[in-house]
Amino acid sequence: MSIIPYKPKIGITTGDINGIGIELIIKSLSEHRLLEICTPVVFASNKVLNFYKNIVGEQNIKYAGTKDINALMPKVINVFNCWDEEVAMTPGQLTEVGGKYGIRSLMVATQCLKDGELDGLITNPIHKKNSQTNDFQYTGHTPFLKDKFGVKDVAMMMCTDELKIALLTEHIPIAEVAKYVTVDNIINKTKIIVDSLIRDFGKDRPKIAVLSLNPHASDDGLIGNEEQQFIVPAIEKLKSEGLLVYGPYAADAFFARQHDKQFDCVLAMYHDQGLIPFKSFDRGMGVNYTAGLPVVRTSPDHGTAFDIAGKNKADQTSFLEALYLCIDILNMRKGYTENTKNKLQKGINKNLLKKTKEDIEE
């Protein structure tokens, strides 16, 4: 599949403005070569960026402020000013202000994305405790984006070049995980993953490993029955439809024996089952990707990091990986769309030729 490169407009949210998000933006975008592959649009205010620019001491970064999303400059960093008022900046502190403006940045950016004024979106970390408002009553970005774009379901997929782990359930209490382990949920989530691997990552026939819920994959029903009752039937149904889906695998032995290297993605049953091995292996280069959306959204795979916020200690590696992956997927989707169009046109042409031949023979 050929990938057709183009220069996308990438929206970037601040995350909690007292976290490390804006520091990551400044450090990452000071690399001017990024302007050759995308047009970055930071949803914040010039004043907030200047505050962190002074902390980072980065004088190499220059940006142009705007309030018109249709007047973006292609060769500079654009700051779309979401607010004009003075904001009390207290790096490292969990405050109502920090959450309020982080959510404003997210709301404006996602609306621009939905309206087609951006090509992709990178979201910086928010904190669940201070981000709850009348307009934002979600446990994180993933369920918010699902509702915002009106899709039935999405999958949180943690990505590196070597490892991809998707989650059946995300930010819910452990005590509630089992009730979401159903045949339909596993089938639906797996199909989202397969479609994304084909369309977004160029895998022709992706192989998926499904982890068990219980220790030792339940030891044939001795430790719980979710495997026999839900996970195995879901896998068998997916196999009957021609998908390469295998399991259930006990999570501890699966990663310890490096079985993950045989698959394109692993479906974990719950948050820590997937993210503990992922963050142990990703070397700070992991990306959180929302599979199943009509748009492309990525995020660094860490939190607000209040403990180092405002101290010029944040590592921008994961943010940069999120930016590169966002651009790569946009190009992959463009190539996939063009390839699909070509196949459809070939089919139409073939049918027309067939019909013409039949007309001649008649």
Protein backbone atom coordinates (compact mmCIF):
# COMPACT_ATOMS: atom_id res chain seq x y z
CA MET A 1 0.00 0.00 0.00
CA SER A 2 1.47 3.33 -1.01
CA ILE A 3 1.25 6.16 1.49
CA ILE A 4 0.55 9.59 0.06
CA PRO A 5 2.30 12.23 2.18
CA TYR A 6 0.71 15.58 2.87
CA LYS A 7 1.06 18.32 5.48
CA PRO A 8 -1.78 18.00 7.99
CA LYS A 9 -3.07 20.58 10.46
CA ILE A 10 -2.59 19.04 13.91
CA GLY A 11 -4.47 20.42 16.89
CA ILE A 12 -2.75 20.21 20.28
CA THR A 13 -4.48 20.65 23.63
CA THR A 14 -2.77 21.93 26.78
CA GLY A 15 -4.05 19.32 29.19
CA ASP A 16 -4.24 20.58 32.77
CA ILE A 17 -2.43 23.92 32.55
CA ASN A 18 -0.67 23.23 35.87
CA GLY A 19 0.69 19.91 34.58
CA ILE A 20 3.53 19.21 32.18
CA GLY A 21 1.50 19.48 28.95
CA ILE A 22 2.54 22.97 27.91
CA GLU A 23 6.17 22.28 28.74
CA LEU A 24 6.00 19.26 26.42
CA ILE A 25 4.54 21.42 23.67
CA ILE A 26 7.30 24.03 23.93
CA LYS A 27 10.13 21.51 24.07
CA SER A 28 8.74 19.47 21.18
CA LEU A 29 7.82 22.31 18.83
CA SER A 30 11.16 24.04 19.31
CA GLU A 31 12.34 21.43 16.80
CA HIS A 32 11.65 23.48 13.68
CA ARG A 33 11.86 20.53 11.30
CA LEU A 34 8.42 19.50 12.52
CA LEU A 35 7.01 22.43 10.57
CA GLU A 36 8.02 20.62 7.40
CA ILE A 37 5.64 17.73 8.09
CA CYS A 38 2.70 19.40 9.83
CA THR A 39 1.07 22.69 10.78
CA PRO A 40 0.72 22.65 14.59
CA VAL A 41 -2.18 24.48 16.22
CA VAL A 42 -1.96 24.87 20.01
CA PHE A 43 -5.28 25.56 21.72
CA ALA A 44 -4.31 27.83 24.62
CA SER A 45 -3.38 31.48 24.96
CA ASN A 46 -0.17 33.33 24.19
CA LYS A 47 0.12 34.33 27.85
CA VAL A 48 0.09 30.73 29.09
CA LEU A 49 2.70 29.66 26.56
CA ASN A 50 4.90 32.63 27.47
CA PHE A 51 4.70 31.66 31.13
CA TYR A 52 6.08 28.19 30.46
CA LYS A 53 8.47 29.43 27.79
CA ASN A 54 10.20 31.45 30.51
CA ILE A 55 10.41 28.39 32.77
CA VAL A 56 11.81 26.18 30.03
CA GLY A 57 14.16 28.94 28.89
CA GLU A 58 13.48 28.04 25.27
CA GLN A 59 13.93 31.17 23.17
CA ASN A 60 14.12 29.26 19.92
CA ILE A 61 10.36 28.80 19.69
CA LYS A 62 8.19 31.40 17.98
CA TYR A 63 4.47 31.28 17.41
CA ALA A 64 1.68 33.30 15.87
CA GLY A 65 -1.51 33.94 17.79
CA THR A 66 -4.87 33.83 16.07
CA LYS A 67 -8.59 33.74 16.79
CA ASP A 68 -9.51 32.63 13.29
CA ILE A 69 -9.08 28.91 12.65
CA ASN A 70 -9.31 29.62 8.91
CA ALA A 71 -6.32 31.98 9.03
CA LEU A 72 -3.64 29.51 10.10
CA MET A 73 -0.10 30.10 8.91
CA PRO A 74 1.42 26.93 7.39
CA LYS A 75 5.07 27.54 8.27
CA VAL A 76 4.80 28.60 11.91
CA ILE A 77 3.41 27.33 15.20
CA ASN A 78 -0.13 28.65 15.49
CA VAL A 79 -1.68 29.43 18.88
CA PHE A 80 -5.46 29.49 18.70
CA ASN A 81 -6.37 31.74 21.62
CA CYS A 82 -9.21 30.02 23.49
CA TRP A 83 -9.24 32.68 26.21
CA ASP A 84 -7.96 36.21 26.75
CA GLU A 85 -8.29 36.59 30.50
CA GLU A 86 -5.40 36.41 32.92
CA VAL A 87 -5.11 32.94 34.43
CA ALA A 88 -3.41 32.12 37.74
CA MET A 89 -0.66 29.65 36.87
CA THR A 90 0.43 27.36 39.74
CA PRO A 91 2.50 24.53 38.25
CA GLY A 92 2.27 21.28 40.18
CA GLN A 93 -0.95 22.22 41.97
CA LEU A 94 -4.30 20.47 41.52
CA THR A 95 -6.63 23.46 41.19
CA GLU A 96 -10.04 24.20 39.74
CA VAL A 97 -8.43 26.70 37.36
CA GLY A 98 -5.98 24.13 36.00
CA GLY A 99 -8.78 21.74 35.11
CA LYS A 100 -11.16 24.41 33.80
CA TYR A 101 -8.79 25.77 31.17
CA GLY A 102 -7.49 22.35 30.23
CA ILE A 103 -11.05 21.31 29.41
CA ARG A 104 -11.69 24.55 27.53
CA SER A 105 -8.67 23.81 25.36
CA LEU A 106 -10.00 20.29 24.72
CA MET A 107 -13.55 21.43 23.95
CA VAL A 108 -12.52 24.05 21.41
CA ALA A 109 -9.98 21.78 19.72
CA THR A 110 -12.36 18.83 19.37
CA GLN A 111 -15.06 21.06 17.91
CA CYS A 112 -12.59 22.32 15.31
CA LEU A 113 -11.64 18.71 14.58
CA LYS A 114 -15.29 17.73 14.24
CA ASP A 115 -15.93 20.67 11.93
CA GLY A 116 -13.12 19.53 9.63
CA GLU A 117 -10.88 22.50 10.40
CA LEU A 118 -8.14 20.20 11.71
CA ASP A 119 -6.80 16.91 10.37
CA GLY A 120 -5.74 15.33 13.64
CA LEU A 121 -5.55 15.93 17.38
CA ILE A 122 -3.00 15.39 20.15
CA THR A 123 -4.34 15.66 23.68
CA ASN A 124 -2.16 16.39 26.67
CA PRO A 125 -3.00 14.86 30.07
CA ILE A 126 -5.91 16.05 32.20
CA HIS A 127 -6.61 15.09 35.82
CA LYS A 128 -9.90 13.33 36.46
CA LYS A 129 -10.52 15.02 39.81
CA ASN A 130 -10.53 18.65 38.65
CA SER A 131 -11.78 18.19 35.08
CA GLN A 132 -15.41 17.41 35.92
CA THR A 133 -17.80 20.14 34.71
CA ASN A 134 -21.37 20.31 33.47
CA ASP A 135 -20.02 19.83 29.94
CA PHE A 136 -17.40 17.24 30.80
CA GLN A 137 -18.51 14.37 33.03
CA TYR A 138 -16.15 11.69 31.78
CA THR A 139 -13.42 9.52 33.24
CA GLY A 140 -11.02 10.55 30.50
CA HIS A 141 -10.53 11.57 26.88
CA THR A 142 -11.58 8.23 25.37
CA PRO A 143 -15.27 8.15 26.45
CA PHE A 144 -15.56 11.89 25.76
CA LEU A 145 -14.34 11.47 22.19
CA LYS A 146 -16.64 8.49 21.66
CA ASP A 147 -19.65 10.64 22.56
CA LYS A 148 -18.36 13.73 20.78
CA PHE A 149 -18.10 11.90 17.46
CA GLY A 150 -21.22 9.79 17.95
CA VAL A 151 -19.70 6.34 17.52
CA LYS A 152 -21.04 3.22 19.22
CA ASP A 153 -17.70 2.20 20.69
CA VAL A 154 -13.97 2.86 20.52
CA ALA A 155 -10.86 1.10 21.79
CA MET A 156 -8.05 2.55 23.85
CA MET A 157 -4.95 1.21 22.10
CA MET A 158 -1.51 1.70 23.59
CA CYS A 159 1.11 1.72 20.84
CA THR A 160 4.79 1.42 20.18
CA ASP A 161 6.43 0.13 17.01
CA GLU A 162 6.87 -3.29 18.62
CA LEU A 163 3.84 -3.62 20.89
CA LYS A 164 0.15 -2.71 20.78
CA ILE A 165 -2.21 -3.43 23.66
CA ALA A 166 -5.91 -2.55 23.55
CA LEU A 167 -8.30 -2.55 26.49
CA LEU A 168 -11.71 -4.17 26.80
CA THR A 169 -12.46 -1.94 29.80
CA GLU A 170 -10.74 1.31 30.75
CA HIS A 171 -11.21 3.48 33.82
CA ILE A 172 -13.61 1.44 35.90
CA PRO A 173 -13.20 -0.17 39.34
CA ILE A 174 -11.75 -3.68 39.39
CA ALA A 175 -14.88 -4.88 41.18
CA GLU A 176 -16.93 -4.01 38.08
CA VAL A 177 -14.67 -5.42 35.36
CA ALA A 178 -16.22 -8.90 35.15
CA LYS A 179 -19.68 -7.64 34.20
CA TYR A 180 -18.23 -6.05 31.06
CA VAL A 181 -16.55 -9.29 29.96
CA THR A 182 -19.30 -10.42 27.60
CA VAL A 183 -19.35 -12.13 24.22
CA ASP A 184 -20.72 -9.05 22.46
CA ASN A 185 -18.24 -6.65 24.09
CA ILE A 186 -15.26 -8.82 23.18
CA ILE A 187 -16.47 -9.27 19.60
CA ASN A 188 -17.21 -5.57 19.10
CA LYS A 189 -13.94 -4.40 20.61
CA THR A 190 -11.90 -6.92 18.61
CA LYS A 191 -13.51 -5.85 15.34
CA ILE A 192 -12.65 -2.22 16.10
CA ILE A 193 -9.05 -3.26 16.70
CA VAL A 194 -8.86 -5.33 13.50
CA ASP A 195 -10.34 -2.53 11.40
CA SER A 196 -7.88 -0.03 12.89
CA LEU A 197 -4.87 -2.28 12.32
CA ILE A 198 -5.86 -2.62 8.67
CA ARG A 199 -6.79 1.00 7.99
CA ASP A 200 -4.45 2.85 10.36
CA PHE A 201 -1.39 0.59 10.54
CA GLY A 202 -1.39 -1.19 7.17
CA LYS A 203 -1.78 -4.74 8.46
CA ASP A 204 -3.45 -6.92 5.82
CA ARG A 205 -4.49 -9.79 8.11
CA PRO A 206 -3.82 -8.76 11.70
CA LYS A 207 -3.38 -11.38 14.41
CA ILE A 208 -5.01 -10.64 17.76
CA ALA A 209 -4.26 -12.28 21.12
CA VAL A 210 -6.99 -12.17 23.76
CA LEU A 211 -5.97 -12.35 27.42
CA SER A 212 -7.94 -14.17 30.08
CA LEU A 213 -9.68 -12.44 32.95
CA ASN A 214 -8.78 -14.91 35.69
CA PRO A 215 -5.38 -16.25 36.81
CA HIS A 216 -4.11 -19.16 34.70
CA ALA A 217 -6.98 -18.57 32.25
CA SER A 218 -9.21 -20.01 35.03
CA ASP A 219 -7.55 -23.48 35.03
CA ASP A 220 -10.50 -24.98 33.12
CA GLY A 221 -13.09 -23.30 35.29
CA LEU A 222 -11.50 -23.89 38.69
CA ILE A 223 -10.78 -20.15 39.09
CA GLY A 224 -13.84 -18.41 37.68
CA ASN A 225 -15.92 -19.20 34.61
CA GLU A 226 -15.66 -16.07 32.44
CA GLU A 227 -13.21 -17.75 30.07
CA GLN A 228 -15.52 -20.69 29.30
CA GLN A 229 -18.73 -18.68 29.35
CA PHE A 230 -17.72 -15.54 27.44
CA ILE A 231 -14.14 -15.26 26.18
CA VAL A 232 -13.82 -18.62 24.38
CA PRO A 233 -17.23 -18.33 22.63
CA ALA A 234 -16.32 -14.80 21.48
CA ILE A 235 -13.00 -16.00 20.06
CA GLU A 236 -14.67 -18.91 18.29
CA LYS A 237 -17.28 -16.60 16.76
CA LEU A 238 -14.58 -14.24 15.50
CA LYS A 239 -12.63 -17.16 14.05
CA SER A 240 -15.75 -18.37 12.25
CA GLU A 241 -15.85 -14.99 10.51
CA GLY A 242 -12.31 -15.47 9.24
CA LEU A 243 -10.47 -13.28 11.76
CA LEU A 244 -7.13 -14.34 13.21
CA VAL A 245 -7.99 -14.22 16.91
CA TYR A 246 -6.42 -16.51 19.51
CA GLY A 247 -6.60 -17.16 23.24
CA PRO A 248 -7.49 -16.77 25.99
CA TYR A 249 -3.94 -16.49 27.30
CA ALA A 250 -2.93 -16.15 30.94
CA ALA A 251 -1.50 -12.63 31.17
CA ASP A 252 1.54 -13.43 33.32
CA ALA A 253 2.98 -16.21 31.16
CA PHE A 254 1.97 -14.47 27.94
CA PHE A 255 4.29 -11.50 28.40
CA ALA A 256 6.94 -13.38 30.36
CA ARG A 257 7.41 -15.76 27.42
CA GLN A 258 7.28 -12.90 24.89
CA HIS A 259 4.27 -14.31 23.08
CA ASP A 260 3.23 -10.73 22.33
CA LYS A 261 5.86 -10.64 19.58
CA GLN A 262 3.76 -13.13 17.57
CA PHE A 263 0.75 -10.82 17.39
CA ASP A 264 -0.16 -7.43 15.95
CA CYS A 265 -2.22 -6.46 19.01
CA VAL A 266 -3.18 -7.85 22.41
CA LEU A 267 -6.65 -7.35 23.90
CA ALA A 268 -6.44 -7.03 27.69
CA MET A 269 -9.52 -7.35 29.87
CA TYR A 270 -8.80 -4.39 32.14
CA HIS A 271 -6.61 -1.32 32.56
CA ASP A 272 -3.71 -2.54 34.68
CA GLN A 273 -3.56 -5.95 33.01
CA GLY A 274 -2.63 -4.16 29.79
CA LEU A 275 -0.84 -1.05 30.95
CA ILE A 276 1.55 -2.59 33.46
CA PRO A 277 3.35 -4.68 30.81
CA PHE A 278 3.02 -1.91 28.24
CA LYS A 279 4.63 0.77 30.40
CA SER A 280 7.28 -1.70 31.51
CA PHE A 281 8.32 -2.27 27.90
CA ASP A 282 7.67 1.04 26.12
CA ARG A 283 10.82 2.88 27.34
CA GLY A 284 8.90 6.16 27.53
CA MET A 285 7.98 6.01 23.85
CA GLY A 286 4.39 4.79 24.18
CA VAL A 287 1.35 6.48 22.64
CA ASN A 288 -2.31 6.30 23.58
CA TYR A 289 -4.40 6.00 20.41
CA THR A 290 -8.20 6.00 20.18
CA ALA A 291 -9.14 3.35 17.61
CA GLY A 292 -12.60 3.43 16.08
CA LEU A 293 -13.03 7.17 15.64
CA PRO A 294 -13.66 8.80 12.24
CA VAL A 295 -10.81 11.17 13.18
CA VAL A 296 -7.26 10.62 14.42
CA ARG A 297 -6.45 11.34 18.08
CA THR A 298 -3.26 10.42 19.90
CA SER A 299 -1.83 11.29 23.30
CA PRO A 300 1.34 10.72 25.31
CA ASP A 301 0.98 7.67 27.56
CA HIS A 302 1.52 9.44 30.90
CA GLY A 303 -0.38 11.72 33.25
CA THR A 304 -0.14 15.32 34.38
CA ALA A 305 3.05 14.64 36.41
CA PHE A 306 2.37 17.37 38.96
CA ASP A 307 5.47 16.29 40.90
CA ILE A 308 7.77 17.69 38.18
CA ALA A 309 5.50 20.33 36.63
CA GLY A 310 7.12 23.77 36.36
CA LYS A 311 10.60 22.34 37.05
CA ASN A 312 11.76 21.92 33.45
CA LYS A 313 12.16 18.16 33.97
CA ALA A 314 9.47 16.79 31.63
CA ASP A 315 10.60 14.37 28.91
CA GLN A 316 8.89 15.10 25.59
CA THR A 317 9.66 11.70 23.99
CA SER A 318 6.14 10.28 24.33
CA PHE A 319 4.58 13.53 23.09
CA LEU A 320 6.79 13.51 20.00
CA GLU A 321 5.90 9.86 19.35
CA ALA A 322 2.23 10.83 19.62
CA LEU A 323 2.76 13.58 17.06
CA TYR A 324 4.61 11.29 14.64
CA LEU A 325 2.00 8.53 15.01
CA CYS A 326 -0.83 10.99 14.39
CA ILE A 327 0.80 12.09 11.14
CA ASP A 328 1.63 8.52 10.11
CA ILE A 329 -1.96 7.35 10.62
CA LEU A 330 -3.34 10.32 8.70
CA ASN A 331 -1.07 9.45 5.80
CA MET A 332 -1.92 5.76 6.11
CA ARG A 333 -5.66 6.53 6.06
CA LYS A 334 -5.21 8.77 3.03
CA GLY A 335 -3.32 6.01 1.28
CA TYR A 336 -5.94 3.44 2.34
CA THR A 337 -8.76 5.64 1.02
CA GLU A 338 -6.99 6.19 -2.28
CA ASN A 339 -6.24 2.47 -2.56
CA THR A 340 -9.88 1.60 -1.79
CA LYS A 341 -11.10 4.10 -4.38
CA ASN A 342 -8.76 2.57 -6.96
CA LYS A 343 -10.05 -0.92 -6.18
CA LEU A 344 -13.66 0.26 -6.44
CA GLN A 345 -12.94 2.00 -9.74
CA LYS A 346 -11.25 -1.14 -11.08
CA GLY A 347 -14.36 -3.11 -10.09
CA ILE A 348 -16.62 -0.58 -11.81
CA ASN A 349 -14.44 -0.59 -14.93
CA LYS A 350 -14.42 -4.39 -14.94
CA ASN A 351 -18.21 -4.53 -14.74
CA LEU A 352 -18.52 -1.93 -17.51
CA LEU A 353 -16.17 -3.94 -19.73
CA LYS A 354 -18.10 -7.10 -18.97
CA LYS A 355 -21.41 -5.39 -19.80
CA THR A 356 -19.95 -3.94 -23.02
CA LYS A 357 -18.71 -7.38 -24.05
CA GLU A 358 -22.14 -8.87 -23.37
CA ASP A 359 -23.79 -6.12 -25.42
CA ILE A 360 -21.45 -6.83 -28.34
CA GLU A 361 -22.10 -10.57 -28.18
CA GLU A 362 -25.84 -9.93 -28.20
